Amino acid sequence: MKILFCTDGSKISFNAIHNISNWLKDAIVDTICVIDWSILPDEIALEESNFNNSCANIADTILNYAEEEIKKSGLKIGNRIKNCGSAIESILEQSTNENYDLILMGSHGKKGLQKWLGSVSEGIINSSNISDYIAKEKNNTNKLLLTTDGTKCSLEVIRKTIPSMKLDDKEVHICMVNEDPNLLFLDGTLDTNWLLDIQKQQKIYAARAIEDIQSILTEYNIKVQSTTILSGIPAQKIIDYARVNEIDLIILGSRNKSKLDRFLTGSVSKRVLENVVSDIWLVRCSTNN
């Protein structure tokens, strides 16, 4: 697996390296550090030569430290990339030019106005077509939650991630959330028997979806700690499950939507990412089904 690791030298970004190294069997890590001077007020003028030298020196210091952390983690050190300018644009350009499997980032987990004012990770997720791994804090890297909605995308996500993961000593959970039929319709006079039949069919569908995931895991001799079928709002149920069970990593599928669609719609992955302390591995699906 080839990873693009994005760091600003913060402890949070290095938490991402620590966490992911305990999940992956093998990976080559290219590291990018972008010194973003665009946040400086216009009245602060920097001479071009001083600007370039300062930028390069700061980036080199951060990259040297990053390589030490990668070496400690047991991952392979790849190329080092440094740039001055917009962090989001630089990272997206680098990820487009190279054949990366994953973009690795740390996130401060800010919400509301704070998040929208300066979240590089949010900008990358909204614009990238590459899978993303986002870490917020150093954790035990022991409990994994695999989510499914029974679609081809869910199966593709599992087949993409499981072969590269170290799961022999991990606690693996599988969760499927059925949307409550009462929340899907505005008409309050729906027949009770009809609703019960819908719920029965949902449980059958969910059980089959979980069995499909288990069959893939069996191919790799991976044991499952628990399987759960829940009913309600998918994002909220996943958030609640992760909190109660102290999940360290949640793997979610993401269909290929346009940048505008990702920004405007309150997707499950977006809501989960904003409301859990768990790491999130957001895997892009090649199919929308």
Protein backbone atom coordinates (compact mmCIF):
# COMPACT_ATOMS: atom_id res chain seq x y z
CA MET A 1 0.00 0.00 0.00
CA LYS A 2 1.26 3.47 -0.90
CA ILE A 3 0.32 6.25 1.53
CA LEU A 4 0.54 10.03 1.32
CA PHE A 5 1.07 11.24 4.90
CA CYS A 6 0.17 14.89 5.46
CA THR A 7 1.85 16.59 8.42
CA ASP A 8 2.18 20.08 9.81
CA GLY A 9 4.52 18.90 12.55
CA SER A 10 1.75 18.65 15.13
CA LYS A 11 1.35 15.83 17.64
CA ILE A 12 -2.08 15.11 16.18
CA SER A 13 -0.63 14.38 12.75
CA PHE A 14 1.90 11.95 14.25
CA ASN A 15 -0.91 10.20 16.14
CA ALA A 16 -2.14 9.17 12.69
CA ILE A 17 1.19 7.45 11.89
CA HIS A 18 1.21 5.65 15.25
CA ASN A 19 -2.36 4.39 14.87
CA ILE A 20 -2.29 3.26 11.25
CA SER A 21 1.02 1.41 11.70
CA ASN A 22 -0.71 -0.96 14.12
CA TRP A 23 -3.39 -1.81 11.55
CA LEU A 24 -1.39 -2.28 8.35
CA LYS A 25 0.85 -5.20 7.44
CA ASP A 26 3.05 -3.23 5.09
CA ALA A 27 3.07 0.26 3.58
CA ILE A 28 5.34 2.79 1.90
CA VAL A 29 4.82 6.29 3.26
CA ASP A 30 5.49 9.44 1.25
CA THR A 31 5.38 12.50 3.51
CA ILE A 32 4.19 15.94 2.46
CA CYS A 33 4.65 19.11 4.50
CA VAL A 34 3.12 22.34 3.24
CA ILE A 35 4.01 25.63 4.93
CA ASP A 36 0.88 27.66 4.34
CA TRP A 37 1.68 31.37 4.43
CA SER A 38 -1.66 32.29 2.87
CA ILE A 39 -3.10 32.95 6.34
CA LEU A 40 -0.77 35.93 6.89
CA PRO A 41 -2.37 39.40 6.65
CA ASP A 42 -1.70 41.27 3.40
CA GLU A 43 0.20 44.01 5.22
CA ILE A 44 2.91 41.54 6.27
CA ALA A 45 5.37 41.52 3.40
CA LEU A 46 8.09 38.90 3.03
CA GLU A 47 11.01 39.14 0.65
CA GLU A 48 10.88 36.25 -1.81
CA SER A 49 14.35 34.94 -0.97
CA ASN A 50 13.71 35.05 2.78
CA PHE A 51 10.30 33.50 2.24
CA ASN A 52 11.65 30.57 0.25
CA ASN A 53 14.50 29.93 2.67
CA SER A 54 12.24 30.07 5.73
CA CYS A 55 9.70 27.81 4.09
CA ALA A 56 12.28 25.22 3.09
CA ASN A 57 13.98 25.22 6.49
CA ILE A 58 10.75 24.78 8.43
CA ALA A 59 9.52 22.03 6.10
CA ASP A 60 12.84 20.16 6.29
CA THR A 61 12.77 20.21 10.10
CA ILE A 62 9.24 18.79 10.15
CA LEU A 63 10.02 16.18 7.49
CA ASN A 64 13.13 15.01 9.35
CA TYR A 65 11.07 14.46 12.47
CA ALA A 66 8.32 12.76 10.46
CA GLU A 67 10.80 10.27 9.01
CA GLU A 68 11.96 9.36 12.51
CA GLU A 69 8.36 8.70 13.55
CA ILE A 70 7.69 6.59 10.45
CA LYS A 71 10.85 4.58 11.12
CA LYS A 72 9.76 3.94 14.73
CA SER A 73 6.36 2.77 13.51
CA GLY A 74 7.88 0.07 11.31
CA LEU A 75 6.51 1.50 8.08
CA LYS A 76 8.73 2.12 5.05
CA ILE A 77 9.95 5.65 4.39
CA GLY A 78 9.19 6.88 0.90
CA ASN A 79 9.61 10.28 -0.74
CA ARG A 80 9.52 13.61 1.07
CA ILE A 81 7.61 16.52 -0.47
CA LYS A 82 7.73 20.11 0.72
CA ASN A 83 5.86 23.12 -0.54
CA CYS A 84 4.81 26.65 0.34
CA GLY A 85 1.28 27.85 -0.33
CA SER A 86 -2.17 26.36 0.04
CA ALA A 87 -2.05 23.09 1.98
CA ILE A 88 -5.24 21.73 0.43
CA GLU A 89 -4.23 22.55 -3.15
CA SER A 90 -0.71 21.15 -2.68
CA ILE A 91 -1.93 17.89 -1.16
CA LEU A 92 -4.60 17.38 -3.81
CA GLU A 93 -2.13 18.09 -6.60
CA GLN A 94 0.39 15.61 -5.16
CA SER A 95 -2.27 12.93 -4.68
CA THR A 96 -3.43 13.39 -8.27
CA ASN A 97 0.06 13.13 -9.75
CA GLU A 98 1.01 9.94 -7.90
CA ASN A 99 -0.75 6.59 -7.60
CA TYR A 100 -1.59 6.64 -3.88
CA ASP A 101 -3.93 4.20 -2.18
CA LEU A 102 -4.58 6.37 0.84
CA ILE A 103 -4.21 9.90 2.21
CA LEU A 104 -3.31 9.89 5.92
CA MET A 105 -4.14 12.91 8.07
CA GLY A 106 -4.62 14.02 11.65
CA SER A 107 -7.66 16.09 12.59
CA HIS A 108 -8.24 18.40 15.54
CA GLY A 109 -11.89 17.36 15.53
CA LYS A 110 -13.19 20.93 15.72
CA LYS A 111 -16.86 21.52 15.12
CA GLY A 112 -19.05 24.27 13.76
CA LEU A 113 -17.49 27.59 12.73
CA GLN A 114 -14.00 26.62 13.95
CA LYS A 115 -13.96 23.60 11.68
CA TRP A 116 -15.15 25.42 8.56
CA LEU A 117 -12.67 28.26 9.08
CA GLY A 118 -9.58 26.14 8.79
CA SER A 119 -9.93 22.41 8.35
CA VAL A 120 -7.45 21.00 5.86
CA SER A 121 -8.78 17.48 6.42
CA GLU A 122 -12.33 18.60 5.61
CA GLY A 123 -11.13 20.21 2.38
CA ILE A 124 -9.23 17.09 1.34
CA ILE A 125 -12.14 14.77 2.08
CA ASN A 126 -14.56 16.94 0.11
CA SER A 127 -12.32 17.07 -2.95
CA SER A 128 -10.26 13.89 -3.08
CA ASN A 129 -11.15 10.74 -4.99
CA ILE A 130 -8.64 8.72 -2.94
CA SER A 131 -9.46 6.87 0.27
CA ASP A 132 -8.68 8.80 3.47
CA TYR A 133 -7.57 7.80 6.95
CA ILE A 134 -8.26 10.42 9.64
CA ALA A 135 -6.96 10.15 13.22
CA LYS A 136 -7.77 12.48 16.09
CA GLU A 137 -5.94 11.00 19.05
CA LYS A 138 -3.56 8.20 19.89
CA ASN A 139 -5.61 5.10 20.76
CA ASN A 140 -5.28 1.41 21.59
CA THR A 141 -5.63 0.30 17.94
CA ASN A 142 -7.46 -2.84 19.06
CA LYS A 143 -11.19 -2.54 18.30
CA LEU A 144 -12.33 -2.38 14.67
CA LEU A 145 -15.87 -1.62 13.49
CA LEU A 146 -16.84 -2.72 9.97
CA THR A 147 -20.06 -1.12 8.76
CA THR A 148 -22.30 -2.34 5.96
CA ASP A 149 -25.49 -1.26 4.23
CA GLY A 150 -25.73 -4.42 2.16
CA THR A 151 -24.60 -2.81 -1.10
CA LYS A 152 -21.82 -3.77 -3.50
CA CYS A 153 -19.92 -0.76 -2.16
CA SER A 154 -19.79 -2.30 1.32
CA LEU A 155 -18.34 -5.54 -0.02
CA GLU A 156 -15.82 -3.63 -2.15
CA VAL A 157 -14.68 -1.73 0.95
CA ILE A 158 -13.99 -4.95 2.85
CA ARG A 159 -12.14 -6.55 -0.06
CA LYS A 160 -9.99 -3.42 -0.47
CA THR A 161 -8.96 -3.08 3.16
CA ILE A 162 -8.87 -6.51 4.83
CA PRO A 163 -5.95 -8.05 2.84
CA SER A 164 -3.59 -5.28 3.97
CA MET A 165 -4.59 -5.32 7.65
CA LYS A 166 -3.14 -6.98 10.76
CA LEU A 167 -6.22 -8.39 12.49
CA ASP A 168 -5.05 -11.59 14.21
CA ASP A 169 -5.04 -9.98 17.65
CA LYS A 170 -7.80 -7.42 17.03
CA GLU A 171 -11.41 -7.27 18.18
CA VAL A 172 -13.59 -7.11 15.06
CA HIS A 173 -17.17 -5.85 15.17
CA ILE A 174 -19.69 -5.79 12.30
CA CYS A 175 -22.65 -3.41 12.37
CA MET A 176 -25.65 -2.88 10.06
CA VAL A 177 -28.22 -0.15 10.67
CA ASN A 178 -31.75 -0.41 9.27
CA GLU A 179 -33.51 2.89 8.91
CA ASP A 180 -36.68 3.00 11.00
CA PRO A 181 -39.66 2.81 8.54
CA ASN A 182 -41.52 5.31 10.73
CA LEU A 183 -38.88 7.90 9.82
CA LEU A 184 -39.13 7.29 6.07
CA PHE A 185 -42.74 8.40 5.58
CA LEU A 186 -44.74 11.49 6.44
CA ASP A 187 -48.11 9.73 6.45
CA GLY A 188 -48.96 8.88 10.06
CA THR A 189 -51.77 6.49 9.13
CA LEU A 190 -49.62 3.71 7.68
CA ASP A 191 -50.88 0.21 8.36
CA THR A 192 -49.17 -1.36 11.39
CA ASN A 193 -48.96 -4.81 9.81
CA TRP A 194 -47.33 -3.29 6.74
CA LEU A 195 -44.69 -1.62 8.93
CA LEU A 196 -44.04 -4.87 10.76
CA ASP A 197 -43.57 -6.65 7.45
CA ILE A 198 -41.09 -3.99 6.32
CA GLN A 199 -39.12 -4.39 9.55
CA LYS A 200 -39.09 -8.18 9.11
CA GLN A 201 -37.72 -7.84 5.57
CA GLN A 202 -35.12 -5.36 6.79
CA LYS A 203 -33.83 -7.83 9.38
CA ILE A 204 -33.56 -10.57 6.76
CA TYR A 205 -31.68 -8.22 4.42
CA ALA A 206 -29.37 -7.08 7.24
CA ALA A 207 -28.60 -10.65 8.31
CA ARG A 208 -27.62 -11.54 4.73
CA ALA A 209 -25.46 -8.41 4.46
CA ILE A 210 -23.57 -9.33 7.62
CA GLU A 211 -23.16 -12.92 6.44
CA ASP A 212 -21.59 -11.61 3.22
CA ILE A 213 -19.03 -9.65 5.25
CA GLN A 214 -18.33 -12.62 7.50
CA SER A 215 -17.72 -14.87 4.50
CA ILE A 216 -15.00 -12.51 3.26
CA LEU A 217 -13.38 -12.42 6.71
CA THR A 218 -13.46 -16.22 6.86
CA GLU A 219 -11.33 -16.33 3.71
CA TYR A 220 -8.60 -14.58 5.73
CA ASN A 221 -9.21 -16.60 8.94
CA ILE A 222 -10.38 -13.50 10.78
CA LYS A 223 -12.60 -14.05 13.82
CA VAL A 224 -15.53 -11.73 14.52
CA GLN A 225 -16.14 -10.54 18.08
CA SER A 226 -19.74 -9.44 17.53
CA THR A 227 -22.37 -8.73 14.88
CA THR A 228 -25.12 -6.21 15.48
CA ILE A 229 -28.28 -5.15 13.64
CA LEU A 230 -29.63 -1.79 14.77
CA SER A 231 -32.61 0.33 13.77
CA GLY A 232 -32.72 4.11 13.54
CA ILE A 233 -30.71 6.90 11.91
CA PRO A 234 -27.56 5.18 10.54
CA ALA A 235 -25.03 7.88 11.40
CA GLN A 236 -26.29 8.32 14.97
CA LYS A 237 -26.45 4.58 15.62
CA ILE A 238 -22.87 4.10 14.41
CA ILE A 239 -21.73 7.03 16.57
CA ASP A 240 -23.48 5.57 19.63
CA TYR A 241 -22.09 2.08 18.98
CA ALA A 242 -18.55 3.42 18.63
CA ARG A 243 -18.79 5.34 21.89
CA VAL A 244 -20.31 2.54 23.96
CA ASN A 245 -17.89 -0.09 22.67
CA GLU A 246 -14.84 2.21 22.65
CA ILE A 247 -14.08 1.50 19.01
CA ASP A 248 -10.61 2.56 17.83
CA LEU A 249 -11.16 2.43 14.06
CA ILE A 250 -14.31 2.63 11.94
CA ILE A 251 -14.16 1.64 8.27
CA LEU A 252 -16.78 3.38 6.13
CA GLY A 253 -17.55 3.27 2.43
CA SER A 254 -17.94 6.45 0.41
CA ARG A 255 -19.56 6.56 -3.01
CA ASN A 256 -18.11 8.80 -5.71
CA LYS A 257 -20.16 11.96 -5.40
CA SER A 258 -19.32 15.36 -6.81
CA LYS A 259 -17.62 17.89 -4.57
CA LEU A 260 -20.85 19.89 -4.32
CA ASP A 261 -22.87 16.81 -3.38
CA ARG A 262 -20.40 15.93 -0.63
CA PHE A 263 -20.57 19.47 0.78
CA LEU A 264 -24.35 19.85 0.67
CA THR A 265 -25.50 16.43 1.81
CA GLY A 266 -25.18 15.29 5.40
CA SER A 267 -23.69 11.92 4.50
CA VAL A 268 -23.31 9.17 7.07
CA SER A 269 -19.52 9.27 6.84
CA LYS A 270 -19.41 13.05 7.33
CA ARG A 271 -21.60 12.94 10.45
CA VAL A 272 -19.70 10.01 11.94
CA LEU A 273 -16.35 11.69 11.30
CA GLU A 274 -17.46 14.86 13.05
CA ASN A 275 -18.82 13.13 16.14
CA VAL A 276 -16.48 10.28 17.16
CA VAL A 277 -12.97 10.17 18.60
CA SER A 278 -12.33 6.91 16.74
CA ASP A 279 -10.08 6.87 13.69
CA ILE A 280 -12.01 6.83 10.41
CA TRP A 281 -10.89 4.96 7.30
CA LEU A 282 -13.04 6.37 4.51
CA VAL A 283 -12.79 4.06 1.50
CA ARG A 284 -13.85 5.30 -1.94
CA CYS A 285 -16.00 2.88 -3.89
CA SER A 286 -15.73 2.49 -7.64
CA THR A 287 -19.44 1.65 -7.72
CA ASN A 288 -22.41 3.73 -6.58
CA ASN A 289 -24.48 0.62 -5.80
